[in-house]
Amino acid sequence: MMDTTSKAKQVRRILSGLGEVAVAYSGGTDSSYLLAVSLDVLGPDAVLALTADSPLTPRTELDEARTLASRLGVRHMVLAHDDLAHEEIVANPPDRCYHCKFTRFDRLLTVARGEGIVHLLHGENADDLGDYRPGSRAAEELGVRAPLREVGLTKAEVRTLSKKRGLSTWDKPAYACLASRFPYGTRLTREALARVEAAEEAVRHIVGLRQLRVRDHYPVARLEVAPSRITEVAAPASRIGVVEALRELGYRYVALDLEGYRMGSLNDELES
């Protein structure tokens, strides 16, 4: 089994063999590291960062992606992409992520090839293989490569390498699109997506949290925070502020999940 350093070298070997690449870039830990290493290996003239600007993307994530791309000195294209134009995404079925990734990657591939770039990469890591990730199938079908996953780099290893590389995203909390806040089968609307985005921003501001989810069971908002922060959120000052803010957004009830934050908690229903 390769150690972290050996895996990182293997990623560089893969990149050096591709010549020019476009990176599907969200501004998260994995895609940021992949983008930075691509620049290190191939140089700025051979790398293009592509970001889909979608109603499913929080504005703060888009702003952070733009900021880091500017610092890295990479050519960065932000493409308007309306996921809600596709009924198979709006209907929010269990395989929504497949349809979302397929339409996005297909669009990014078209743009990349229009720029004369054959290879599109995305930042999936080895840990993602153990999660429910229908979007991975879309990438494979379209030939979008995931070098971090191919060499077996885990999330923890990507964080370690990102810190060593000096990337501010090394400890960035895991990100998921806004659609992941809604139970499967709940139709996605612009209004609901904006509501849950505003709810999470409000909770972050009031409590000072980096990692949280507001799961939208409208008119109920279910908050997931790290178990170590539950007491803090439940304290009178924070609790009252959160309840008032979320009621202003239209929620009637605000619940605090005592199990705490966990990735993909709405996938639990798929296992029942």
Protein backbone atom coordinates (compact mmCIF):
# COMPACT_ATOMS: atom_id res chain seq x y z
CA MET A 1 0.00 0.00 0.00
CA MET A 2 1.36 3.42 -0.98
CA ASP A 3 1.93 6.10 1.62
CA THR A 4 0.65 9.66 1.21
CA THR A 5 3.82 10.95 -0.41
CA SER A 6 3.88 8.13 -2.95
CA LYS A 7 0.23 8.73 -3.81
CA ALA A 8 0.88 12.43 -4.30
CA LYS A 9 3.75 11.62 -6.67
CA GLN A 10 1.51 9.27 -8.61
CA VAL A 11 -1.09 12.04 -9.03
CA ARG A 12 1.65 14.23 -10.48
CA ARG A 13 2.67 11.47 -12.89
CA ILE A 14 -0.92 11.12 -14.07
CA LEU A 15 -1.22 14.87 -14.63
CA SER A 16 2.08 15.16 -16.45
CA GLY A 17 0.87 12.57 -18.93
CA LEU A 18 -2.28 14.53 -19.79
CA GLY A 19 -0.66 17.67 -21.17
CA GLU A 20 -3.58 20.05 -20.71
CA VAL A 21 -6.52 19.70 -18.33
CA ALA A 22 -9.74 21.35 -17.27
CA VAL A 23 -10.69 20.90 -13.63
CA ALA A 24 -14.30 20.82 -12.43
CA TYR A 25 -13.70 23.24 -9.60
CA SER A 26 -16.08 23.90 -6.71
CA GLY A 27 -13.67 25.56 -4.29
CA GLY A 28 -13.86 22.63 -1.87
CA THR A 29 -10.86 20.86 -0.36
CA ASP A 30 -10.51 18.16 -3.00
CA SER A 31 -11.02 20.16 -6.19
CA SER A 32 -8.84 22.98 -4.84
CA TYR A 33 -5.96 20.61 -4.17
CA LEU A 34 -6.37 18.95 -7.57
CA LEU A 35 -6.39 22.37 -9.24
CA ALA A 36 -3.29 23.54 -7.36
CA VAL A 37 -1.33 20.38 -8.18
CA SER A 38 -2.39 20.61 -11.83
CA LEU A 39 -0.95 24.12 -11.91
CA ASP A 40 2.25 22.95 -10.20
CA VAL A 41 2.76 20.16 -12.72
CA LEU A 42 1.46 21.64 -15.97
CA GLY A 43 1.69 25.41 -15.47
CA PRO A 44 -1.04 28.06 -15.81
CA ASP A 45 -1.13 27.94 -19.62
CA ALA A 46 -2.23 24.29 -19.56
CA VAL A 47 -4.90 24.41 -16.84
CA LEU A 48 -8.46 25.72 -16.95
CA ALA A 49 -10.73 25.86 -13.89
CA LEU A 50 -14.43 25.45 -14.66
CA THR A 51 -17.14 26.23 -12.12
CA ALA A 52 -20.86 25.71 -12.64
CA ASP A 53 -22.92 28.57 -11.20
CA SER A 54 -26.18 26.87 -10.28
CA PRO A 55 -29.20 27.59 -8.06
CA LEU A 56 -27.95 24.58 -6.08
CA THR A 57 -24.67 26.37 -5.24
CA PRO A 58 -24.49 28.65 -2.17
CA ARG A 59 -23.24 32.12 -3.03
CA THR A 60 -20.58 31.92 -0.34
CA GLU A 61 -19.11 28.80 -1.98
CA LEU A 62 -18.99 30.51 -5.35
CA ASP A 63 -17.32 33.59 -3.87
CA GLU A 64 -14.70 31.46 -2.10
CA ALA A 65 -14.00 29.53 -5.30
CA ARG A 66 -13.44 32.76 -7.19
CA THR A 67 -11.13 34.11 -4.48
CA LEU A 68 -8.90 31.04 -4.37
CA ALA A 69 -8.75 30.74 -8.17
CA SER A 70 -7.54 34.34 -8.31
CA ARG A 71 -4.87 33.65 -5.69
CA LEU A 72 -3.68 30.58 -7.58
CA GLY A 73 -3.45 32.56 -10.80
CA VAL A 74 -5.45 30.08 -12.84
CA ARG A 75 -7.71 30.89 -15.75
CA HIS A 76 -11.17 30.49 -14.25
CA MET A 77 -14.48 30.33 -16.10
CA VAL A 78 -17.74 30.51 -14.14
CA LEU A 79 -20.57 29.12 -16.22
CA ALA A 80 -24.24 29.82 -15.59
CA HIS A 81 -25.92 26.43 -15.37
CA ASP A 82 -29.58 26.01 -14.47
CA ASP A 83 -30.00 22.58 -12.91
CA LEU A 84 -33.67 23.40 -12.34
CA ALA A 85 -34.28 23.31 -16.08
CA HIS A 86 -34.17 19.50 -15.82
CA GLU A 87 -37.23 17.69 -14.45
CA GLU A 88 -35.16 14.68 -13.37
CA ILE A 89 -33.29 17.04 -11.01
CA VAL A 90 -36.29 19.10 -9.88
CA ALA A 91 -38.16 15.91 -8.92
CA ASN A 92 -35.30 15.11 -6.53
CA PRO A 93 -35.23 11.30 -6.88
CA PRO A 94 -32.62 9.18 -5.06
CA ASP A 95 -30.42 9.29 -8.17
CA ARG A 96 -30.74 13.07 -8.54
CA CYS A 97 -26.99 13.46 -8.18
CA TYR A 98 -26.45 11.28 -11.25
CA HIS A 99 -28.59 13.54 -13.42
CA CYS A 100 -27.09 16.68 -11.91
CA LYS A 101 -23.50 15.58 -12.42
CA PHE A 102 -24.21 14.26 -15.90
CA THR A 103 -25.67 17.55 -17.13
CA ARG A 104 -22.95 19.59 -15.44
CA PHE A 105 -20.02 17.47 -16.59
CA ASP A 106 -21.47 17.32 -20.10
CA ARG A 107 -21.60 21.13 -20.14
CA LEU A 108 -18.08 21.48 -18.74
CA LEU A 109 -16.75 18.99 -21.29
CA THR A 110 -18.30 20.97 -24.12
CA VAL A 111 -16.68 24.17 -22.87
CA ALA A 112 -13.31 22.48 -22.27
CA ARG A 113 -13.23 20.97 -25.75
CA GLY A 114 -14.22 24.32 -27.19
CA GLU A 115 -11.01 25.58 -25.56
CA GLY A 116 -9.04 22.74 -27.13
CA ILE A 117 -8.75 20.71 -23.90
CA VAL A 118 -9.62 17.02 -24.05
CA HIS A 119 -9.32 15.99 -20.40
CA LEU A 120 -11.78 17.03 -17.69
CA LEU A 121 -10.90 16.12 -14.09
CA HIS A 122 -12.90 16.19 -10.87
CA GLY A 123 -11.87 16.00 -7.22
CA GLU A 124 -13.44 12.78 -5.99
CA ASN A 125 -11.22 11.05 -3.41
CA ALA A 126 -10.93 7.43 -2.28
CA ASP A 127 -13.29 7.88 0.68
CA ASP A 128 -16.10 8.77 -1.70
CA LEU A 129 -16.18 5.16 -2.89
CA GLY A 130 -17.75 4.15 0.43
CA ASP A 131 -20.60 6.67 0.21
CA TYR A 132 -23.78 6.74 -1.88
CA ARG A 133 -22.46 8.66 -4.90
CA PRO A 134 -24.58 8.22 -8.04
CA GLY A 135 -22.73 11.21 -9.47
CA SER A 136 -19.61 9.06 -9.76
CA ARG A 137 -21.38 6.93 -12.36
CA ALA A 138 -22.06 10.02 -14.46
CA ALA A 139 -18.37 10.96 -14.38
CA GLU A 140 -17.32 7.47 -15.43
CA GLU A 141 -19.82 7.38 -18.29
CA LEU A 142 -18.54 10.70 -19.63
CA GLY A 143 -14.86 9.86 -19.15
CA VAL A 144 -14.24 12.49 -16.46
CA ARG A 145 -11.23 11.35 -14.47
CA ALA A 146 -10.65 11.52 -10.71
CA PRO A 147 -6.86 11.29 -10.15
CA LEU A 148 -7.12 11.56 -6.34
CA ARG A 149 -9.42 8.57 -6.21
CA GLU A 150 -7.41 6.65 -8.80
CA VAL A 151 -4.30 6.66 -6.59
CA GLY A 152 -6.22 6.03 -3.36
CA LEU A 153 -5.86 9.43 -1.67
CA THR A 154 -8.26 9.72 1.27
CA LYS A 155 -9.91 12.92 2.50
CA ALA A 156 -7.53 13.08 5.46
CA GLU A 157 -4.55 12.72 3.14
CA VAL A 158 -5.86 15.43 0.81
CA ARG A 159 -6.21 17.73 3.81
CA THR A 160 -2.63 16.97 4.89
CA LEU A 161 -1.27 17.63 1.40
CA SER A 162 -3.37 20.77 1.04
CA LYS A 163 -1.97 22.16 4.28
CA LYS A 164 1.55 21.39 3.14
CA ARG A 165 0.80 23.13 -0.17
CA GLY A 166 -0.40 26.20 1.78
CA LEU A 167 -4.02 26.04 0.63
CA SER A 168 -6.56 27.78 2.85
CA THR A 169 -9.06 25.04 2.01
CA TRP A 170 -7.10 22.34 3.86
CA ASP A 171 -9.52 22.35 6.81
CA LYS A 172 -12.63 23.53 4.98
CA PRO A 173 -15.74 21.62 6.10
CA ALA A 174 -17.20 19.14 3.64
CA TYR A 175 -19.52 20.77 1.15
CA ALA A 176 -22.63 19.41 -0.52
CA CYS A 177 -25.02 21.15 -2.88
CA LEU A 178 -28.17 22.72 -1.49
CA ALA A 179 -30.35 19.94 -2.91
CA SER A 180 -28.90 17.62 -0.26
CA ARG A 181 -30.88 19.52 2.39
CA PHE A 182 -34.20 18.18 1.10
CA PRO A 183 -35.68 14.68 1.52
CA TYR A 184 -35.82 12.68 -1.69
CA GLY A 185 -39.08 13.25 -3.50
CA THR A 186 -39.39 16.86 -2.33
CA ARG A 187 -39.49 18.99 -5.47
CA LEU A 188 -36.73 21.56 -5.68
CA THR A 189 -37.67 25.18 -6.23
CA ARG A 190 -35.65 28.37 -6.34
CA GLU A 191 -37.57 29.69 -3.35
CA ALA A 192 -36.89 26.62 -1.20
CA LEU A 193 -33.20 26.54 -2.13
CA ALA A 194 -32.84 30.23 -1.29
CA ARG A 195 -34.67 29.65 2.02
CA VAL A 196 -32.39 26.88 3.21
CA GLU A 197 -29.28 28.76 2.07
CA ALA A 198 -30.39 31.82 4.05
CA ALA A 199 -31.18 29.61 7.05
CA GLU A 200 -27.67 28.15 7.14
CA GLU A 201 -26.10 31.59 6.78
CA ALA A 202 -28.23 32.85 9.66
CA VAL A 203 -27.22 29.98 11.96
CA ARG A 204 -23.54 30.45 11.07
CA HIS A 205 -23.75 34.13 11.90
CA ILE A 206 -25.59 33.65 15.20
CA VAL A 207 -23.58 30.71 16.57
CA GLY A 208 -20.29 31.03 14.67
CA LEU A 209 -20.34 27.52 13.21
CA ARG A 210 -18.34 26.36 10.21
CA GLN A 211 -19.95 22.92 9.90
CA LEU A 212 -23.72 22.61 9.94
CA ARG A 213 -26.70 21.56 7.89
CA VAL A 214 -30.26 22.80 7.92
CA ARG A 215 -32.34 19.89 6.65
CA ASP A 216 -35.53 21.26 5.14
CA HIS A 217 -38.65 19.32 6.13
CA TYR A 218 -40.78 22.40 5.55
CA PRO A 219 -42.37 23.84 7.66
CA VAL A 220 -39.80 22.13 9.95
CA ALA A 221 -36.12 23.04 9.89
CA ARG A 222 -33.89 20.31 11.37
CA LEU A 223 -30.46 21.55 12.43
CA GLU A 224 -27.45 19.26 12.36
CA VAL A 225 -24.32 20.54 14.11
CA ALA A 226 -21.26 18.79 15.51
CA PRO A 227 -22.19 16.90 18.73
CA SER A 228 -19.69 19.01 20.65
CA ARG A 229 -21.62 22.17 19.66
CA ILE A 230 -25.15 20.98 20.46
CA THR A 231 -25.13 22.44 23.97
CA GLU A 232 -23.94 25.77 22.64
CA VAL A 233 -26.70 25.95 20.03
CA ALA A 234 -29.30 24.97 22.64
CA ALA A 235 -28.20 27.70 25.09
CA PRO A 236 -30.91 30.35 25.51
CA ALA A 237 -29.18 33.20 23.68
CA SER A 238 -28.30 31.11 20.63
CA ARG A 239 -31.52 29.09 20.62
CA ILE A 240 -33.79 32.12 20.69
CA GLY A 241 -31.80 33.88 17.97
CA VAL A 242 -31.82 30.85 15.69
CA VAL A 243 -35.55 30.25 16.16
CA GLU A 244 -36.40 33.88 15.43
CA ALA A 245 -34.19 34.00 12.34
CA LEU A 246 -35.57 30.80 10.86
CA ARG A 247 -39.17 31.76 11.57
CA GLU A 248 -38.58 34.97 9.66
CA LEU A 249 -37.62 32.78 6.71
CA GLY A 250 -40.93 30.94 6.91
CA TYR A 251 -40.17 27.90 9.05
CA ARG A 252 -42.80 27.21 11.70
CA TYR A 253 -40.78 24.74 13.77
CA VAL A 254 -37.05 24.55 14.43
CA ALA A 255 -35.62 21.22 15.65
CA LEU A 256 -32.09 20.38 16.81
CA ASP A 257 -30.99 16.88 15.80
CA LEU A 258 -29.44 15.27 18.89
CA GLU A 259 -27.48 12.79 16.78
CA GLY A 260 -25.48 15.68 15.40
CA TYR A 261 -24.09 16.48 11.96
CA ARG A 262 -23.42 13.60 9.62
CA MET A 263 -22.83 13.59 5.90
CA GLY A 264 -25.68 12.30 3.80
CA SER A 265 -28.12 11.88 6.67
CA LEU A 266 -31.02 12.01 4.23
CA ASN A 267 -29.64 8.87 2.59
CA ASP A 268 -30.75 6.98 5.72
CA GLU A 269 -34.19 6.52 4.20
CA LEU A 270 -32.63 4.59 1.32
CA GLU A 271 -31.43 1.95 3.77
CA SER A 272 -34.72 1.54 5.63
